[in-house]
Amino acid sequence: MSPRIARRLLDHFRPEPGAGEAGVNEVAELHKSGLTEREQDVLALIAKGLTVRKVAELLDIIPNTAAGCVKTIYRKLNISSRAEATLEASQQGLISMPL
């Protein structure tokens, strides 16, 4: 999948932008949970069931970087499983859970 398509996919699932968003040349704004925008993207994709390798491909990063993001997310959110990650992503509005 091309980076352009991946970005469109991420933009589709990302919550609506709000006021005060960080610009391209500014430091990434932290979410209330302490996650950077990149970590939020990784969390949303992991919560949708994608593998670390597929997340890396979609975000145009190497798998080791994606795996490091996952570890950082787990540490910051004090979670230890994909199920907990999915629940947290849903609570943060990064993904919608079917009823």
N, C-alpha and C. Protein backbone atom coordinates (compact mmCIF):
# COMPACT_ATOMS: atom_id res chain seq x y z
N MET A 1 0.86 -1.17 0.00
CA MET A 1 0.00 0.00 0.00
C MET A 1 0.90 1.24 0.00
N SER A 2 0.55 2.19 -0.79
CA SER A 2 1.38 3.40 -0.89
C SER A 2 1.19 4.28 0.35
N PRO A 3 2.19 5.11 0.68
CA PRO A 3 2.06 6.01 1.82
C PRO A 3 0.86 6.95 1.69
N ARG A 4 0.56 7.36 0.47
CA ARG A 4 -0.58 8.26 0.25
C ARG A 4 -1.90 7.59 0.64
N ILE A 5 -2.06 6.34 0.23
CA ILE A 5 -3.27 5.59 0.56
C ILE A 5 -3.33 5.35 2.07
N ALA A 6 -2.20 5.01 2.66
CA ALA A 6 -2.15 4.78 4.11
C ALA A 6 -2.57 6.03 4.87
N ARG A 7 -2.08 7.19 4.43
CA ARG A 7 -2.43 8.43 5.11
C ARG A 7 -3.93 8.70 4.99
N ARG A 8 -4.50 8.43 3.83
CA ARG A 8 -5.95 8.63 3.64
C ARG A 8 -6.73 7.70 4.57
N LEU A 9 -6.24 6.47 4.71
CA LEU A 9 -6.88 5.51 5.61
C LEU A 9 -6.82 6.02 7.05
N LEU A 10 -5.66 6.50 7.46
CA LEU A 10 -5.52 7.03 8.82
C LEU A 10 -6.38 8.26 9.03
N ASP A 11 -6.41 9.15 8.04
CA ASP A 11 -7.24 10.36 8.14
C ASP A 11 -8.71 10.01 8.27
N HIS A 12 -9.12 8.93 7.63
CA HIS A 12 -10.51 8.50 7.71
C HIS A 12 -10.89 8.09 9.14
N PHE A 13 -9.97 7.43 9.84
CA PHE A 13 -10.27 6.92 11.17
C PHE A 13 -9.87 7.87 12.30
N ARG A 14 -9.15 8.94 11.98
CA ARG A 14 -8.71 9.90 12.99
C ARG A 14 -9.88 10.80 13.38
N PRO A 15 -10.01 11.14 14.67
CA PRO A 15 -11.08 12.06 15.09
C PRO A 15 -10.92 13.41 14.39
N GLU A 16 -12.02 14.15 14.31
CA GLU A 16 -12.01 15.47 13.69
C GLU A 16 -10.98 16.36 14.37
N PRO A 17 -10.22 17.12 13.58
CA PRO A 17 -9.23 18.02 14.19
C PRO A 17 -9.90 19.13 14.98
N GLY A 18 -9.27 19.49 16.07
CA GLY A 18 -9.80 20.56 16.92
C GLY A 18 -8.91 21.78 16.86
N ALA A 19 -9.31 22.76 17.58
CA ALA A 19 -8.52 24.00 17.63
C ALA A 19 -7.21 23.73 18.35
N GLY A 20 -6.18 24.47 17.95
CA GLY A 20 -4.89 24.37 18.64
C GLY A 20 -4.06 23.18 18.23
N GLU A 21 -4.34 22.59 17.07
CA GLU A 21 -3.55 21.46 16.62
C GLU A 21 -2.13 21.90 16.30
N ALA A 22 -1.17 21.04 16.54
CA ALA A 22 0.22 21.37 16.25
C ALA A 22 0.43 21.44 14.75
N GLY A 23 1.23 22.41 14.31
CA GLY A 23 1.54 22.56 12.90
C GLY A 23 2.59 21.56 12.48
N VAL A 24 2.89 21.55 11.19
CA VAL A 24 3.85 20.59 10.65
C VAL A 24 5.22 20.77 11.26
N ASN A 25 5.66 22.00 11.48
CA ASN A 25 6.99 22.25 12.01
C ASN A 25 7.03 22.35 13.53
N GLU A 26 5.91 22.14 14.17
CA GLU A 26 5.85 22.23 15.63
C GLU A 26 5.99 20.85 16.24
N VAL A 27 6.25 20.82 17.53
CA VAL A 27 6.33 19.55 18.25
C VAL A 27 4.96 18.92 18.28
N ALA A 28 4.90 17.58 18.13
CA ALA A 28 3.61 16.88 18.13
C ALA A 28 2.88 17.13 19.44
N GLU A 29 1.62 17.47 19.31
CA GLU A 29 0.80 17.74 20.48
C GLU A 29 0.47 16.42 21.19
N LEU A 30 0.54 16.42 22.49
CA LEU A 30 0.24 15.22 23.25
C LEU A 30 -1.25 15.11 23.50
N HIS A 31 -1.77 13.93 23.38
CA HIS A 31 -3.16 13.65 23.69
C HIS A 31 -3.30 13.64 25.20
N LYS A 32 -4.51 13.72 25.69
CA LYS A 32 -4.71 13.73 27.15
C LYS A 32 -4.09 12.53 27.84
N SER A 33 -3.91 11.44 27.11
CA SER A 33 -3.30 10.24 27.69
C SER A 33 -1.77 10.31 27.66
N GLY A 34 -1.22 11.35 27.02
CA GLY A 34 0.22 11.47 26.91
C GLY A 34 0.77 10.86 25.64
N LEU A 35 -0.09 10.42 24.73
CA LEU A 35 0.36 9.82 23.48
C LEU A 35 0.58 10.90 22.42
N THR A 36 1.65 10.72 21.64
CA THR A 36 1.88 11.61 20.51
C THR A 36 0.92 11.22 19.39
N GLU A 37 0.85 12.06 18.36
CA GLU A 37 -0.02 11.75 17.23
C GLU A 37 0.38 10.43 16.58
N ARG A 38 1.68 10.19 16.44
CA ARG A 38 2.15 8.94 15.84
C ARG A 38 1.71 7.75 16.68
N GLU A 39 1.85 7.87 18.01
CA GLU A 39 1.43 6.78 18.90
C GLU A 39 -0.07 6.55 18.81
N GLN A 40 -0.84 7.62 18.65
CA GLN A 40 -2.29 7.46 18.47
C GLN A 40 -2.59 6.72 17.18
N ASP A 41 -1.86 7.04 16.12
CA ASP A 41 -2.04 6.34 14.85
C ASP A 41 -1.74 4.86 15.00
N VAL A 42 -0.62 4.55 15.65
CA VAL A 42 -0.23 3.16 15.87
C VAL A 42 -1.29 2.45 16.72
N LEU A 43 -1.74 3.10 17.79
CA LEU A 43 -2.75 2.51 18.66
C LEU A 43 -4.02 2.19 17.89
N ALA A 44 -4.47 3.12 17.06
CA ALA A 44 -5.69 2.91 16.28
C ALA A 44 -5.55 1.71 15.35
N LEU A 45 -4.40 1.58 14.72
CA LEU A 45 -4.20 0.46 13.80
C LEU A 45 -4.05 -0.87 14.53
N ILE A 46 -3.33 -0.86 15.64
CA ILE A 46 -3.17 -2.08 16.45
C ILE A 46 -4.54 -2.52 16.98
N ALA A 47 -5.34 -1.55 17.41
CA ALA A 47 -6.67 -1.85 17.95
C ALA A 47 -7.58 -2.45 16.88
N LYS A 48 -7.32 -2.13 15.62
CA LYS A 48 -8.11 -2.69 14.53
C LYS A 48 -7.64 -4.09 14.14
N GLY A 49 -6.61 -4.58 14.83
CA GLY A 49 -6.15 -5.95 14.60
C GLY A 49 -4.98 -6.10 13.65
N LEU A 50 -4.38 -5.00 13.22
CA LEU A 50 -3.26 -5.09 12.31
C LEU A 50 -2.01 -5.54 13.04
N THR A 51 -1.15 -6.24 12.33
CA THR A 51 0.12 -6.66 12.90
C THR A 51 1.08 -5.48 12.95
N VAL A 52 2.12 -5.63 13.73
CA VAL A 52 3.13 -4.57 13.82
C VAL A 52 3.76 -4.36 12.44
N ARG A 53 3.98 -5.43 11.72
CA ARG A 53 4.57 -5.33 10.38
C ARG A 53 3.65 -4.53 9.45
N LYS A 54 2.33 -4.78 9.50
CA LYS A 54 1.39 -4.06 8.64
C LYS A 54 1.28 -2.60 9.06
N VAL A 55 1.30 -2.34 10.38
CA VAL A 55 1.28 -0.97 10.88
C VAL A 55 2.49 -0.21 10.33
N ALA A 56 3.66 -0.84 10.39
CA ALA A 56 4.88 -0.22 9.89
C ALA A 56 4.75 0.09 8.40
N GLU A 57 4.20 -0.84 7.66
CA GLU A 57 4.02 -0.64 6.22
C GLU A 57 3.08 0.53 5.94
N LEU A 58 1.97 0.58 6.66
CA LEU A 58 0.99 1.65 6.44
C LEU A 58 1.53 3.03 6.81
N LEU A 59 2.34 3.08 7.86
CA LEU A 59 2.87 4.36 8.32
C LEU A 59 4.22 4.70 7.70
N ASP A 60 4.71 3.81 6.84
CA ASP A 60 5.98 4.01 6.17
C ASP A 60 7.13 4.18 7.16
N ILE A 61 7.16 3.26 8.14
CA ILE A 61 8.24 3.21 9.12
C ILE A 61 8.74 1.77 9.17
N ILE A 62 9.89 1.55 9.80
CA ILE A 62 10.41 0.19 9.89
C ILE A 62 9.69 -0.55 11.02
N PRO A 63 9.58 -1.87 10.91
CA PRO A 63 8.88 -2.66 11.94
C PRO A 63 9.41 -2.46 13.35
N ASN A 64 10.74 -2.27 13.50
CA ASN A 64 11.30 -2.05 14.85
C ASN A 64 10.77 -0.75 15.46
N THR A 65 10.59 0.27 14.63
CA THR A 65 10.04 1.54 15.12
C THR A 65 8.60 1.35 15.56
N ALA A 66 7.83 0.63 14.76
CA ALA A 66 6.43 0.36 15.11
C ALA A 66 6.34 -0.45 16.41
N ALA A 67 7.20 -1.45 16.54
CA ALA A 67 7.21 -2.26 17.76
C ALA A 67 7.58 -1.42 18.97
N GLY A 68 8.53 -0.51 18.80
CA GLY A 68 8.89 0.40 19.88
C GLY A 68 7.74 1.30 20.28
N CYS A 69 6.99 1.77 19.28
CA CYS A 69 5.80 2.59 19.57
C CYS A 69 4.79 1.80 20.39
N VAL A 70 4.58 0.54 20.02
CA VAL A 70 3.63 -0.30 20.74
C VAL A 70 4.07 -0.44 22.20
N LYS A 71 5.34 -0.69 22.42
CA LYS A 71 5.85 -0.81 23.79
C LYS A 71 5.65 0.48 24.58
N THR A 72 5.91 1.60 23.92
CA THR A 72 5.74 2.90 24.58
C THR A 72 4.27 3.15 24.91
N ILE A 73 3.38 2.79 23.99
CA ILE A 73 1.94 2.95 24.21
C ILE A 73 1.51 2.12 25.41
N TYR A 74 1.93 0.86 25.44
CA TYR A 74 1.56 -0.02 26.54
C TYR A 74 2.05 0.55 27.87
N ARG A 75 3.28 1.09 27.87
CA ARG A 75 3.83 1.65 29.11
C ARG A 75 3.07 2.90 29.53
N LYS A 76 2.83 3.82 28.59
CA LYS A 76 2.14 5.07 28.91
C LYS A 76 0.71 4.84 29.39
N LEU A 77 0.04 3.85 28.80
CA LEU A 77 -1.36 3.59 29.16
C LEU A 77 -1.50 2.54 30.26
N ASN A 78 -0.37 1.99 30.68
CA ASN A 78 -0.36 0.96 31.72
C ASN A 78 -1.26 -0.21 31.32
N ILE A 79 -1.05 -0.71 30.10
CA ILE A 79 -1.79 -1.85 29.59
C ILE A 79 -0.80 -2.91 29.16
N SER A 80 -1.31 -4.13 28.92
CA SER A 80 -0.40 -5.21 28.56
C SER A 80 -0.94 -6.15 27.49
N SER A 81 -2.02 -5.76 26.81
CA SER A 81 -2.55 -6.64 25.78
C SER A 81 -3.24 -5.84 24.68
N ARG A 82 -3.44 -6.48 23.55
CA ARG A 82 -4.14 -5.84 22.44
C ARG A 82 -5.60 -5.59 22.80
N ALA A 83 -6.18 -6.45 23.60
CA ALA A 83 -7.57 -6.24 24.02
C ALA A 83 -7.69 -4.94 24.82
N GLU A 84 -6.75 -4.72 25.74
CA GLU A 84 -6.75 -3.47 26.51
C GLU A 84 -6.47 -2.28 25.60
N ALA A 85 -5.59 -2.47 24.62
CA ALA A 85 -5.29 -1.40 23.67
C ALA A 85 -6.53 -1.03 22.86
N THR A 86 -7.29 -2.04 22.45
CA THR A 86 -8.51 -1.80 21.69
C THR A 86 -9.52 -1.03 22.53
N LEU A 87 -9.68 -1.43 23.77
CA LEU A 87 -10.60 -0.73 24.67
C LEU A 87 -10.16 0.72 24.87
N GLU A 88 -8.89 0.93 25.10
CA GLU A 88 -8.37 2.29 25.31
C GLU A 88 -8.56 3.14 24.05
N ALA A 89 -8.28 2.57 22.89
CA ALA A 89 -8.45 3.31 21.63
C ALA A 89 -9.92 3.70 21.44
N SER A 90 -10.81 2.81 21.80
CA SER A 90 -12.24 3.11 21.70
C SER A 90 -12.64 4.22 22.66
N GLN A 91 -12.14 4.16 23.88
CA GLN A 91 -12.46 5.18 24.87
C GLN A 91 -11.91 6.54 24.49
N GLN A 92 -10.79 6.56 23.77
CA GLN A 92 -10.18 7.82 23.33
C GLN A 92 -10.80 8.34 22.04
N GLY A 93 -11.71 7.55 21.45
CA GLY A 93 -12.35 7.98 20.21
C GLY A 93 -11.50 7.76 18.99
N LEU A 94 -10.45 6.94 19.10
CA LEU A 94 -9.59 6.68 17.96
C LEU A 94 -10.21 5.66 17.00
N ILE A 95 -11.07 4.80 17.54
CA ILE A 95 -11.80 3.84 16.73
C ILE A 95 -13.22 3.77 17.26
N SER A 96 -14.14 3.28 16.45
CA SER A 96 -15.50 3.09 16.94
C SER A 96 -15.74 1.59 17.07
N MET A 97 -16.37 1.23 18.15
CA MET A 97 -16.65 -0.19 18.42
C MET A 97 -18.07 -0.48 17.98
N PRO A 98 -18.28 -1.56 17.23
CA PRO A 98 -19.65 -1.93 16.85
C PRO A 98 -20.44 -2.37 18.07
N LEU A 99 -21.74 -2.14 18.02
CA LEU A 99 -22.60 -2.52 19.15
C LEU A 99 -22.94 -3.97 19.14
